[in-house]
Amino acid sequence: MRTFLILLSVVVGFLGVTPGAMAGENGPVVIIIKNHKFEPAVVRVPAGKRIELIVENHDKTPEEFESHDLGREKVIAGNGKAVIRIGPLKKGVYRFVGEFHEATAKGQIVAE
């Protein structure tokens, strides 16, 4: 078992993949709207870096991504997607909602 873990560590290091890597470090952050909820509901990103969010709406109805904390709002058509650029963000929690289904569509971005 120990040999397996060492080998796994070498392979992971070789590929440049780090367990627990934050979203947005190596590319866009994808958030999916499904059943009027955001998946994942909490996204961790590095502070001090610009982030590209890709919000994919898998529902048939439109949804509006809205965040007063981020100063962004964007209507996303049913079965559509949108790119939202944010940052660089200071360390903290930034809340967002789906304005058309605010009771269930809630999320946050945590900049660390």
C-alpha atoms as a PDB file:
ATOM      1  CA  MET A   1       0.000   0.000   0.000  1.00  0.00           C
ATOM      2  CA  ARG A   2       2.829   2.391   0.860  1.00  0.00           C
ATOM      3  CA  THR A   3       4.468   1.746  -2.513  1.00  0.00           C
ATOM      4  CA  PHE A   4       1.166   2.520  -4.233  1.00  0.00           C
ATOM      5  CA  LEU A   5       0.848   5.858  -2.389  1.00  0.00           C
ATOM      6  CA  ILE A   6       4.400   6.834  -3.283  1.00  0.00           C
ATOM      7  CA  LEU A   7       3.804   5.936  -6.923  1.00  0.00           C
ATOM      8  CA  LEU A   8       0.525   7.864  -6.915  1.00  0.00           C
ATOM      9  CA  SER A   9       2.296  10.926  -5.474  1.00  0.00           C
ATOM     10  CA  VAL A  10       4.936  10.756  -8.200  1.00  0.00           C
ATOM     11  CA  VAL A  11       2.340  10.442 -10.966  1.00  0.00           C
ATOM     12  CA  VAL A  12       0.214  13.259  -9.558  1.00  0.00           C
ATOM     13  CA  GLY A  13       3.289  15.480  -9.221  1.00  0.00           C
ATOM     14  CA  PHE A  14       4.397  14.648 -12.757  1.00  0.00           C
ATOM     15  CA  LEU A  15       1.011  15.591 -14.183  1.00  0.00           C
ATOM     16  CA  GLY A  16       0.959  18.846 -12.239  1.00  0.00           C
ATOM     17  CA  VAL A  17      -2.271  17.957 -10.489  1.00  0.00           C
ATOM     18  CA  THR A  18      -2.524  18.793  -6.827  1.00  0.00           C
ATOM     19  CA  PRO A  19      -5.146  17.255  -4.583  1.00  0.00           C
ATOM     20  CA  GLY A  20      -7.441  19.968  -3.320  1.00  0.00           C
ATOM     21  CA  ALA A  21      -6.443  22.469  -6.008  1.00  0.00           C
ATOM     22  CA  MET A  22      -8.735  25.460  -6.051  1.00  0.00           C
ATOM     23  CA  ALA A  23     -11.024  26.189  -8.961  1.00  0.00           C
ATOM     24  CA  GLY A  24      -9.806  28.856 -11.321  1.00  0.00           C
ATOM     25  CA  GLU A  25      -6.106  28.154 -10.858  1.00  0.00           C
ATOM     26  CA  ASN A  26      -5.703  26.501 -14.237  1.00  0.00           C
ATOM     27  CA  GLY A  27      -8.745  27.556 -16.196  1.00  0.00           C
ATOM     28  CA  PRO A  28     -12.339  28.638 -16.029  1.00  0.00           C
ATOM     29  CA  VAL A  29     -14.683  27.821 -13.171  1.00  0.00           C
ATOM     30  CA  VAL A  30     -17.806  25.969 -14.325  1.00  0.00           C
ATOM     31  CA  ILE A  31     -21.049  26.400 -12.393  1.00  0.00           C
ATOM     32  CA  ILE A  32     -24.132  24.486 -13.525  1.00  0.00           C
ATOM     33  CA  ILE A  33     -27.735  25.499 -12.975  1.00  0.00           C
ATOM     34  CA  LYS A  34     -29.851  22.367 -12.640  1.00  0.00           C
ATOM     35  CA  ASN A  35     -33.300  22.046 -11.065  1.00  0.00           C
ATOM     36  CA  HIS A  36     -33.071  25.752 -10.193  1.00  0.00           C
ATOM     37  CA  LYS A  37     -29.956  25.231  -8.053  1.00  0.00           C
ATOM     38  CA  PHE A  38     -26.278  26.012  -8.560  1.00  0.00           C
ATOM     39  CA  GLU A  39     -23.847  23.090  -8.674  1.00  0.00           C
ATOM     40  CA  PRO A  40     -21.503  23.464  -6.936  1.00  0.00           C
ATOM     41  CA  ALA A  41     -23.123  25.934  -4.573  1.00  0.00           C
ATOM     42  CA  VAL A  42     -19.749  26.902  -3.090  1.00  0.00           C
ATOM     43  CA  VAL A  43     -16.708  27.544  -5.275  1.00  0.00           C
ATOM     44  CA  ARG A  44     -13.253  28.239  -3.849  1.00  0.00           C
ATOM     45  CA  VAL A  45     -10.915  30.385  -5.944  1.00  0.00           C
ATOM     46  CA  PRO A  46      -7.504  31.953  -5.378  1.00  0.00           C
ATOM     47  CA  ALA A  47      -7.605  35.532  -4.106  1.00  0.00           C
ATOM     48  CA  GLY A  48      -5.879  38.182  -6.194  1.00  0.00           C
ATOM     49  CA  LYS A  49      -6.496  36.497  -9.559  1.00  0.00           C
ATOM     50  CA  ARG A  50      -8.947  37.169 -12.343  1.00  0.00           C
ATOM     51  CA  ILE A  51     -11.498  34.375 -12.702  1.00  0.00           C
ATOM     52  CA  GLU A  52     -13.608  33.327 -15.657  1.00  0.00           C
ATOM     53  CA  LEU A  53     -16.928  31.769 -14.627  1.00  0.00           C
ATOM     54  CA  ILE A  54     -18.772  29.655 -17.150  1.00  0.00           C
ATOM     55  CA  VAL A  55     -22.368  29.350 -16.000  1.00  0.00           C
ATOM     56  CA  GLU A  56     -24.252  26.581 -17.820  1.00  0.00           C
ATOM     57  CA  ASN A  57     -28.018  26.514 -17.496  1.00  0.00           C
ATOM     58  CA  HIS A  58     -29.195  22.910 -17.821  1.00  0.00           C
ATOM     59  CA  ASP A  59     -32.794  23.906 -17.074  1.00  0.00           C
ATOM     60  CA  LYS A  60     -35.271  24.655 -19.867  1.00  0.00           C
ATOM     61  CA  THR A  61     -36.174  28.028 -18.351  1.00  0.00           C
ATOM     62  CA  PRO A  62     -33.948  31.127 -18.219  1.00  0.00           C
ATOM     63  CA  GLU A  63     -32.156  32.159 -15.052  1.00  0.00           C
ATOM     64  CA  GLU A  64     -30.428  35.371 -14.037  1.00  0.00           C
ATOM     65  CA  PHE A  65     -27.055  35.059 -12.339  1.00  0.00           C
ATOM     66  CA  GLU A  66     -26.969  38.024  -9.967  1.00  0.00           C
ATOM     67  CA  SER A  67     -24.386  39.088  -7.417  1.00  0.00           C
ATOM     68  CA  HIS A  68     -24.427  42.435  -5.663  1.00  0.00           C
ATOM     69  CA  ASP A  69     -21.129  41.425  -4.011  1.00  0.00           C
ATOM     70  CA  LEU A  70     -19.481  40.972  -7.416  1.00  0.00           C
ATOM     71  CA  GLY A  71     -21.417  43.692  -9.235  1.00  0.00           C
ATOM     72  CA  ARG A  72     -22.570  41.270 -11.927  1.00  0.00           C
ATOM     73  CA  GLU A  73     -25.884  40.171 -13.388  1.00  0.00           C
ATOM     74  CA  LYS A  74     -26.469  38.132 -16.497  1.00  0.00           C
ATOM     75  CA  VAL A  75     -29.550  36.409 -17.893  1.00  0.00           C
ATOM     76  CA  ILE A  76     -28.767  32.899 -19.119  1.00  0.00           C
ATOM     77  CA  ALA A  77     -31.223  31.343 -21.544  1.00  0.00           C
ATOM     78  CA  GLY A  78     -32.644  27.898 -20.902  1.00  0.00           C
ATOM     79  CA  ASN A  79     -30.096  25.299 -22.023  1.00  0.00           C
ATOM     80  CA  GLY A  80     -27.657  28.157 -22.579  1.00  0.00           C
ATOM     81  CA  LYS A  81     -24.445  29.345 -21.029  1.00  0.00           C
ATOM     82  CA  ALA A  82     -22.645  32.575 -20.248  1.00  0.00           C
ATOM     83  CA  VAL A  83     -19.108  33.662 -19.474  1.00  0.00           C
ATOM     84  CA  ILE A  84     -18.712  36.045 -16.553  1.00  0.00           C
ATOM     85  CA  ARG A  85     -15.301  37.526 -15.789  1.00  0.00           C
ATOM     86  CA  ILE A  86     -14.587  38.635 -12.224  1.00  0.00           C
ATOM     87  CA  GLY A  87     -11.717  39.767 -10.083  1.00  0.00           C
ATOM     88  CA  PRO A  88      -9.128  39.977  -9.015  1.00  0.00           C
ATOM     89  CA  LEU A  89     -10.947  39.312  -5.748  1.00  0.00           C
ATOM     90  CA  LYS A  90      -9.811  40.140  -2.249  1.00  0.00           C
ATOM     91  CA  LYS A  91     -10.047  37.334   0.296  1.00  0.00           C
ATOM     92  CA  GLY A  92     -13.657  36.899   1.328  1.00  0.00           C
ATOM     93  CA  VAL A  93     -17.056  35.443   0.524  1.00  0.00           C
ATOM     94  CA  TYR A  94     -19.037  36.685  -2.485  1.00  0.00           C
ATOM     95  CA  ARG A  95     -22.671  35.605  -2.663  1.00  0.00           C
ATOM     96  CA  PHE A  96     -24.730  35.093  -5.817  1.00  0.00           C
ATOM     97  CA  VAL A  97     -28.301  34.019  -6.582  1.00  0.00           C
ATOM     98  CA  GLY A  98     -30.472  32.967  -9.454  1.00  0.00           C
ATOM     99  CA  GLU A  99     -32.848  35.896  -9.353  1.00  0.00           C
ATOM    100  CA  PHE A 100     -35.704  34.036 -11.076  1.00  0.00           C
ATOM    101  CA  HIS A 101     -35.567  31.197  -8.481  1.00  0.00           C
ATOM    102  CA  GLU A 102     -33.983  32.951  -5.533  1.00  0.00           C
ATOM    103  CA  ALA A 103     -35.471  30.568  -2.959  1.00  0.00           C
ATOM    104  CA  THR A 104     -33.408  27.631  -4.289  1.00  0.00           C
ATOM    105  CA  ALA A 105     -30.677  29.069  -6.531  1.00  0.00           C
ATOM    106  CA  LYS A 106     -28.060  30.344  -4.074  1.00  0.00           C
ATOM    107  CA  GLY A 107     -24.314  30.132  -4.068  1.00  0.00           C
ATOM    108  CA  GLN A 108     -21.065  31.713  -3.063  1.00  0.00           C
ATOM    109  CA  ILE A 109     -17.531  32.193  -4.248  1.00  0.00           C
ATOM    110  CA  VAL A 110     -14.884  31.992  -1.558  1.00  0.00           C
ATOM    111  CA  ALA A 111     -11.625  33.749  -2.444  1.00  0.00           C
ATOM    112  CA  GLU A 112      -8.743  32.386  -0.373  1.00  0.00           C
END
